[in-house]
């Protein structure tokens, strides 16, 4: 399972999950920080979720 966040330029901002997981329900929360721990600006971000053969890409808005 992999869950990554990108900015609108396609640059990876944060990897929230990158692990083998058993089937089930899970929750991931993004704290608005990048992989180095710096706060990112408000705006539109894209998250990419991959689990096996399933892939989903969606937009989200971060407002501070």
PDB file of N, CA and C in Angstrom:
ATOM      1  N   UNK A   1       0.858  -1.176   0.000  1.00  0.00           N
ATOM      2  CA  UNK A   1       0.000   0.000   0.000  1.00  0.00           C
ATOM      3  C   UNK A   1       0.892   1.223   0.000  1.00  0.00           C
ATOM      4  N   UNK A   2       0.532   2.189  -0.862  1.00  0.00           N
ATOM      5  CA  UNK A   2       1.292   3.434  -0.914  1.00  0.00           C
ATOM      6  C   UNK A   2       0.314   4.591  -1.021  1.00  0.00           C
ATOM      7  N   UNK A   3       0.536   5.616  -0.200  1.00  0.00           N
ATOM      8  CA  UNK A   3      -0.268   6.829  -0.228  1.00  0.00           C
ATOM      9  C   UNK A   3       0.685   8.012  -0.239  1.00  0.00           C
ATOM     10  N   UNK A   4       0.667   8.757  -1.357  1.00  0.00           N
ATOM     11  CA  UNK A   4       1.584   9.879  -1.536  1.00  0.00           C
ATOM     12  C   UNK A   4       0.809  11.146  -1.859  1.00  0.00           C
ATOM     13  N   UNK A   5       1.381  12.279  -1.483  1.00  0.00           N
ATOM     14  CA  UNK A   5       0.777  13.578  -1.753  1.00  0.00           C
ATOM     15  C   UNK A   5       1.720  14.360  -2.651  1.00  0.00           C
ATOM     16  N   UNK A   6       1.131  14.984  -3.680  1.00  0.00           N
ATOM     17  CA  UNK A   6       1.883  15.776  -4.657  1.00  0.00           C
ATOM     18  C   UNK A   6       1.311  17.183  -4.722  1.00  0.00           C
ATOM     19  N   UNK A   7       2.152  18.148  -5.114  1.00  0.00           N
ATOM     20  CA  UNK A   7       1.630  19.491  -5.373  1.00  0.00           C
ATOM     21  C   UNK A   7       1.124  19.552  -6.811  1.00  0.00           C
ATOM     22  N   UNK A   8       0.567  20.690  -7.214  1.00  0.00           N
ATOM     23  CA  UNK A   8      -0.023  20.795  -8.553  1.00  0.00           C
ATOM     24  C   UNK A   8       1.032  20.757  -9.653  1.00  0.00           C
ATOM     25  N   UNK A   9       2.304  20.914  -9.304  1.00  0.00           N
ATOM     26  CA  UNK A   9       3.385  20.805 -10.287  1.00  0.00           C
ATOM     27  C   UNK A   9       3.835  19.357 -10.474  1.00  0.00           C
ATOM     28  N   UNK A  10       3.238  18.446  -9.694  1.00  0.00           N
ATOM     29  CA  UNK A  10       3.589  17.033  -9.805  1.00  0.00           C
ATOM     30  C   UNK A  10       4.771  16.628  -8.948  1.00  0.00           C
ATOM     31  N   UNK A  11       5.227  17.522  -8.078  1.00  0.00           N
ATOM     32  CA  UNK A  11       6.348  17.212  -7.194  1.00  0.00           C
ATOM     33  C   UNK A  11       5.828  16.506  -5.945  1.00  0.00           C
ATOM     34  N   UNK A  12       6.495  15.412  -5.579  1.00  0.00           N
ATOM     35  CA  UNK A  12       6.056  14.687  -4.387  1.00  0.00           C
ATOM     36  C   UNK A  12       6.328  15.536  -3.149  1.00  0.00           C
ATOM     37  N   UNK A  13       5.304  15.691  -2.322  1.00  0.00           N
ATOM     38  CA  UNK A  13       5.390  16.483  -1.102  1.00  0.00           C
ATOM     39  C   UNK A  13       5.591  15.574   0.110  1.00  0.00           C
ATOM     40  N   UNK A  14       4.841  14.479   0.150  1.00  0.00           N
ATOM     41  CA  UNK A  14       4.873  13.631   1.344  1.00  0.00           C
ATOM     42  C   UNK A  14       4.460  12.210   0.996  1.00  0.00           C
ATOM     43  N   UNK A  15       5.118  11.255   1.616  1.00  0.00           N
ATOM     44  CA  UNK A  15       4.685   9.861   1.578  1.00  0.00           C
ATOM     45  C   UNK A  15       4.077   9.552   2.937  1.00  0.00           C
ATOM     46  N   UNK A  16       2.782   9.292   2.952  1.00  0.00           N
ATOM     47  CA  UNK A  16       2.099   8.996   4.216  1.00  0.00           C
ATOM     48  C   UNK A  16       2.164   7.518   4.571  1.00  0.00           C
ATOM     49  N   UNK A  17       2.055   6.652   3.567  1.00  0.00           N
ATOM     50  CA  UNK A  17       2.074   5.204   3.808  1.00  0.00           C
ATOM     51  C   UNK A  17       2.888   4.559   2.701  1.00  0.00           C
ATOM     52  N   UNK A  18       3.765   3.651   3.081  1.00  0.00           N
ATOM     53  CA  UNK A  18       4.500   2.820   2.129  1.00  0.00           C
ATOM     54  C   UNK A  18       4.834   1.523   2.863  1.00  0.00           C
ATOM     55  N   UNK A  19       3.857   0.609   2.896  1.00  0.00           N
ATOM     56  CA  UNK A  19       4.016  -0.591   3.714  1.00  0.00           C
ATOM     57  C   UNK A  19       3.125  -1.719   3.215  1.00  0.00           C
ATOM     58  N   UNK A  20       3.513  -2.934   3.561  1.00  0.00           N
ATOM     59  CA  UNK A  20       2.652  -4.091   3.345  1.00  0.00           C
ATOM     60  C   UNK A  20       1.583  -4.054   4.435  1.00  0.00           C
ATOM     61  N   UNK A  21       0.325  -4.246   4.057  1.00  0.00           N
ATOM     62  CA  UNK A  21      -0.761  -4.192   5.035  1.00  0.00           C
ATOM     63  C   UNK A  21      -1.746  -5.314   4.769  1.00  0.00           C
ATOM     64  N   UNK A  22      -2.357  -5.790   5.827  1.00  0.00           N
ATOM     65  CA  UNK A  22      -3.402  -6.798   5.717  1.00  0.00           C
ATOM     66  C   UNK A  22      -4.683  -6.128   5.224  1.00  0.00           C
ATOM     67  N   UNK A  23      -5.565  -6.868   4.556  1.00  0.00           N
ATOM     68  CA  UNK A  23      -6.848  -6.284   4.149  1.00  0.00           C
ATOM     69  C   UNK A  23      -7.595  -5.732   5.361  1.00  0.00           C
ATOM     70  N   UNK A  24      -8.293  -4.640   5.148  1.00  0.00           N
ATOM     71  CA  UNK A  24      -9.055  -4.030   6.230  1.00  0.00           C
ATOM     72  C   UNK A  24      -9.215  -2.542   6.006  1.00  0.00           C
ATOM     73  N   UNK A  25      -9.740  -1.863   7.007  1.00  0.00           N
ATOM     74  CA  UNK A  25      -9.939  -0.416   6.949  1.00  0.00           C
ATOM     75  C   UNK A  25      -8.833   0.262   7.741  1.00  0.00           C
ATOM     76  N   UNK A  26      -8.290   1.311   7.142  1.00  0.00           N
ATOM     77  CA  UNK A  26      -7.226   2.069   7.779  1.00  0.00           C
ATOM     78  C   UNK A  26      -7.505   3.548   7.583  1.00  0.00           C
ATOM     79  N   UNK A  27      -6.884   4.366   8.405  1.00  0.00           N
ATOM     80  CA  UNK A  27      -7.043   5.809   8.298  1.00  0.00           C
ATOM     81  C   UNK A  27      -5.663   6.445   8.296  1.00  0.00           C
ATOM     82  N   UNK A  28      -5.468   7.417   7.396  1.00  0.00           N
ATOM     83  CA  UNK A  28      -4.214   8.170   7.350  1.00  0.00           C
ATOM     84  C   UNK A  28      -4.558   9.648   7.460  1.00  0.00           C
ATOM     85  N   UNK A  29      -3.805  10.363   8.265  1.00  0.00           N
ATOM     86  CA  UNK A  29      -4.028  11.791   8.455  1.00  0.00           C
ATOM     87  C   UNK A  29      -2.768  12.545   8.058  1.00  0.00           C
ATOM     88  N   UNK A  30      -2.947  13.576   7.235  1.00  0.00           N
ATOM     89  CA  UNK A  30      -1.829  14.418   6.822  1.00  0.00           C
ATOM     90  C   UNK A  30      -1.825  15.665   7.686  1.00  0.00           C
ATOM     91  N   UNK A  31      -0.690  15.984   8.255  1.00  0.00           N
ATOM     92  CA  UNK A  31      -0.561  17.141   9.138  1.00  0.00           C
ATOM     93  C   UNK A  31      -0.181  18.433   8.409  1.00  0.00           C
ATOM     94  N   UNK A  32      -0.185  18.411   7.072  1.00  0.00           N
ATOM     95  CA  UNK A  32       0.137  19.609   6.304  1.00  0.00           C
ATOM     96  C   UNK A  32       1.629  19.884   6.209  1.00  0.00           C
ATOM     97  N   UNK A  33       2.435  18.853   6.453  1.00  0.00           N
ATOM     98  CA  UNK A  33       3.893  19.016   6.381  1.00  0.00           C
ATOM     99  C   UNK A  33       4.459  18.121   5.284  1.00  0.00           C
ATOM    100  N   UNK A  34       5.628  18.508   4.786  1.00  0.00           N
ATOM    101  CA  UNK A  34       6.277  17.705   3.751  1.00  0.00           C
ATOM    102  C   UNK A  34       7.153  16.633   4.400  1.00  0.00           C
ATOM    103  N   UNK A  35       7.893  15.892   3.579  1.00  0.00           N
ATOM    104  CA  UNK A  35       8.713  14.795   4.099  1.00  0.00           C
ATOM    105  C   UNK A  35       9.833  15.271   5.015  1.00  0.00           C
ATOM    106  N   UNK A  36      10.248  16.542   4.903  1.00  0.00           N
ATOM    107  CA  UNK A  36      11.305  17.066   5.778  1.00  0.00           C
ATOM    108  C   UNK A  36      10.751  17.698   7.047  1.00  0.00           C
ATOM    109  N   UNK A  37       9.418  17.754   7.173  1.00  0.00           N
ATOM    110  CA  UNK A  37       8.793  18.304   8.368  1.00  0.00           C
ATOM    111  C   UNK A  37       8.400  19.762   8.270  1.00  0.00           C
ATOM    112  N   UNK A  38       8.658  20.394   7.123  1.00  0.00           N
ATOM    113  CA  UNK A  38       8.295  21.803   6.942  1.00  0.00           C
ATOM    114  C   UNK A  38       6.821  21.916   6.559  1.00  0.00           C
ATOM    115  N   UNK A  39       6.158  22.933   7.100  1.00  0.00           N
ATOM    116  CA  UNK A  39       4.747  23.174   6.766  1.00  0.00           C
ATOM    117  C   UNK A  39       4.635  23.609   5.310  1.00  0.00           C
ATOM    118  N   UNK A  40       3.629  23.106   4.614  1.00  0.00           N
ATOM    119  CA  UNK A  40       3.395  23.501   3.226  1.00  0.00           C
ATOM    120  C   UNK A  40       2.322  24.583   3.188  1.00  0.00           C
ATOM    121  N   UNK A  41       2.216  25.266   2.062  1.00  0.00           N
ATOM    122  CA  UNK A  41       1.252  26.358   1.932  1.00  0.00           C
ATOM    123  C   UNK A  41      -0.146  25.817   1.647  1.00  0.00           C
ATOM    124  N   UNK A  42      -1.135  26.653   1.916  1.00  0.00           N
ATOM    125  CA  UNK A  42      -2.511  26.314   1.549  1.00  0.00           C
ATOM    126  C   UNK A  42      -2.599  26.187   0.039  1.00  0.00           C
ATOM    127  N   UNK A  43      -3.481  25.336  -0.440  1.00  0.00           N
ATOM    128  CA  UNK A  43      -3.653  25.188  -1.879  1.00  0.00           C
ATOM    129  C   UNK A  43      -4.189  23.823  -2.252  1.00  0.00           C
ATOM    130  N   UNK A  44      -4.117  23.538  -3.542  1.00  0.00           N
ATOM    131  CA  UNK A  44      -4.606  22.270  -4.080  1.00  0.00           C
ATOM    132  C   UNK A  44      -3.459  21.263  -4.091  1.00  0.00           C
ATOM    133  N   UNK A  45      -3.746  20.077  -3.614  1.00  0.00           N
ATOM    134  CA  UNK A  45      -2.786  18.982  -3.618  1.00  0.00           C
ATOM    135  C   UNK A  45      -3.469  17.756  -4.201  1.00  0.00           C
ATOM    136  N   UNK A  46      -2.666  16.814  -4.641  1.00  0.00           N
ATOM    137  CA  UNK A  46      -3.172  15.593  -5.250  1.00  0.00           C
ATOM    138  C   UNK A  46      -2.664  14.421  -4.422  1.00  0.00           C
ATOM    139  N   UNK A  47      -3.572  13.502  -4.087  1.00  0.00           N
ATOM    140  CA  UNK A  47      -3.091  12.303  -3.413  1.00  0.00           C
ATOM    141  C   UNK A  47      -3.226  11.118  -4.349  1.00  0.00           C
ATOM    142  N   UNK A  48      -2.258  10.222  -4.255  1.00  0.00           N
ATOM    143  CA  UNK A  48      -2.211   9.015  -5.081  1.00  0.00           C
ATOM    144  C   UNK A  48      -2.182   7.819  -4.141  1.00  0.00           C
ATOM    145  N   UNK A  49      -3.176   6.949  -4.302  1.00  0.00           N
ATOM    146  CA  UNK A  49      -3.310   5.762  -3.469  1.00  0.00           C
ATOM    147  C   UNK A  49      -3.155   4.529  -4.346  1.00  0.00           C
ATOM    148  N   UNK A  50      -2.265   3.634  -3.963  1.00  0.00           N
ATOM    149  CA  UNK A  50      -2.044   2.395  -4.710  1.00  0.00           C
ATOM    150  C   UNK A  50      -2.089   1.237  -3.721  1.00  0.00           C
ATOM    151  N   UNK A  51      -2.918   0.245  -4.036  1.00  0.00           N
ATOM    152  CA  UNK A  51      -3.010  -0.975  -3.228  1.00  0.00           C
ATOM    153  C   UNK A  51      -3.170  -2.142  -4.189  1.00  0.00           C
ATOM    154  N   UNK A  52      -2.111  -2.887  -4.387  1.00  0.00           N
ATOM    155  CA  UNK A  52      -2.153  -3.985  -5.354  1.00  0.00           C
ATOM    156  C   UNK A  52      -2.394  -3.441  -6.749  1.00  0.00           C
ATOM    157  N   UNK A  53      -3.433  -3.942  -7.422  1.00  0.00           N
ATOM    158  CA  UNK A  53      -3.772  -3.476  -8.769  1.00  0.00           C
ATOM    159  C   UNK A  53      -4.657  -2.237  -8.750  1.00  0.00           C
ATOM    160  N   UNK A  54      -5.144  -1.843  -7.586  1.00  0.00           N
ATOM    161  CA  UNK A  54      -6.026  -0.680  -7.477  1.00  0.00           C
ATOM    162  C   UNK A  54      -5.203   0.596  -7.377  1.00  0.00           C
ATOM    163  N   UNK A  55      -5.601   1.612  -8.165  1.00  0.00           N
ATOM    164  CA  UNK A  55      -4.945   2.918  -8.125  1.00  0.00           C
ATOM    165  C   UNK A  55      -6.010   4.000  -8.142  1.00  0.00           C
ATOM    166  N   UNK A  56      -5.811   5.038  -7.341  1.00  0.00           N
ATOM    167  CA  UNK A  56      -6.736   6.163  -7.304  1.00  0.00           C
ATOM    168  C   UNK A  56      -5.943   7.451  -7.143  1.00  0.00           C
ATOM    169  N   UNK A  57      -6.315   8.460  -7.930  1.00  0.00           N
ATOM    170  CA  UNK A  57      -5.694   9.783  -7.843  1.00  0.00           C
ATOM    171  C   UNK A  57      -6.819  10.796  -7.684  1.00  0.00           C
ATOM    172  N   UNK A  58      -6.746  11.611  -6.637  1.00  0.00           N
ATOM    173  CA  UNK A  58      -7.796  12.590  -6.346  1.00  0.00           C
ATOM    174  C   UNK A  58      -7.176  13.916  -5.914  1.00  0.00           C
ATOM    175  N   UNK A  59      -7.944  14.989  -6.101  1.00  0.00           N
ATOM    176  CA  UNK A  59      -7.525  16.315  -5.641  1.00  0.00           C
ATOM    177  C   UNK A  59      -8.050  16.557  -4.240  1.00  0.00           C
ATOM    178  N   UNK A  60      -7.332  17.401  -3.511  1.00  0.00           N
ATOM    179  CA  UNK A  60      -7.815  17.868  -2.210  1.00  0.00           C
ATOM    180  C   UNK A  60      -7.317  19.284  -1.992  1.00  0.00           C
ATOM    181  N   UNK A  61      -7.968  19.997  -1.104  1.00  0.00           N
ATOM    182  CA  UNK A  61      -7.595  21.375  -0.803  1.00  0.00           C
ATOM    183  C   UNK A  61      -7.132  21.439   0.643  1.00  0.00           C
ATOM    184  N   UNK A  62      -5.948  22.015   0.848  1.00  0.00           N
ATOM    185  CA  UNK A  62      -5.435  22.252   2.194  1.00  0.00           C
ATOM    186  C   UNK A  62      -5.675  23.715   2.527  1.00  0.00           C
ATOM    187  N   UNK A  63      -6.430  23.952   3.581  1.00  0.00           N
ATOM    188  CA  UNK A  63      -6.706  25.324   4.028  1.00  0.00           C
ATOM    189  C   UNK A  63      -6.219  25.457   5.462  1.00  0.00           C
ATOM    190  N   UNK A  64      -5.475  26.523   5.716  1.00  0.00           N
ATOM    191  CA  UNK A  64      -4.947  26.742   7.072  1.00  0.00           C
ATOM    192  C   UNK A  64      -5.690  27.861   7.745  1.00  0.00           C
TER     193      UNK A  64
END
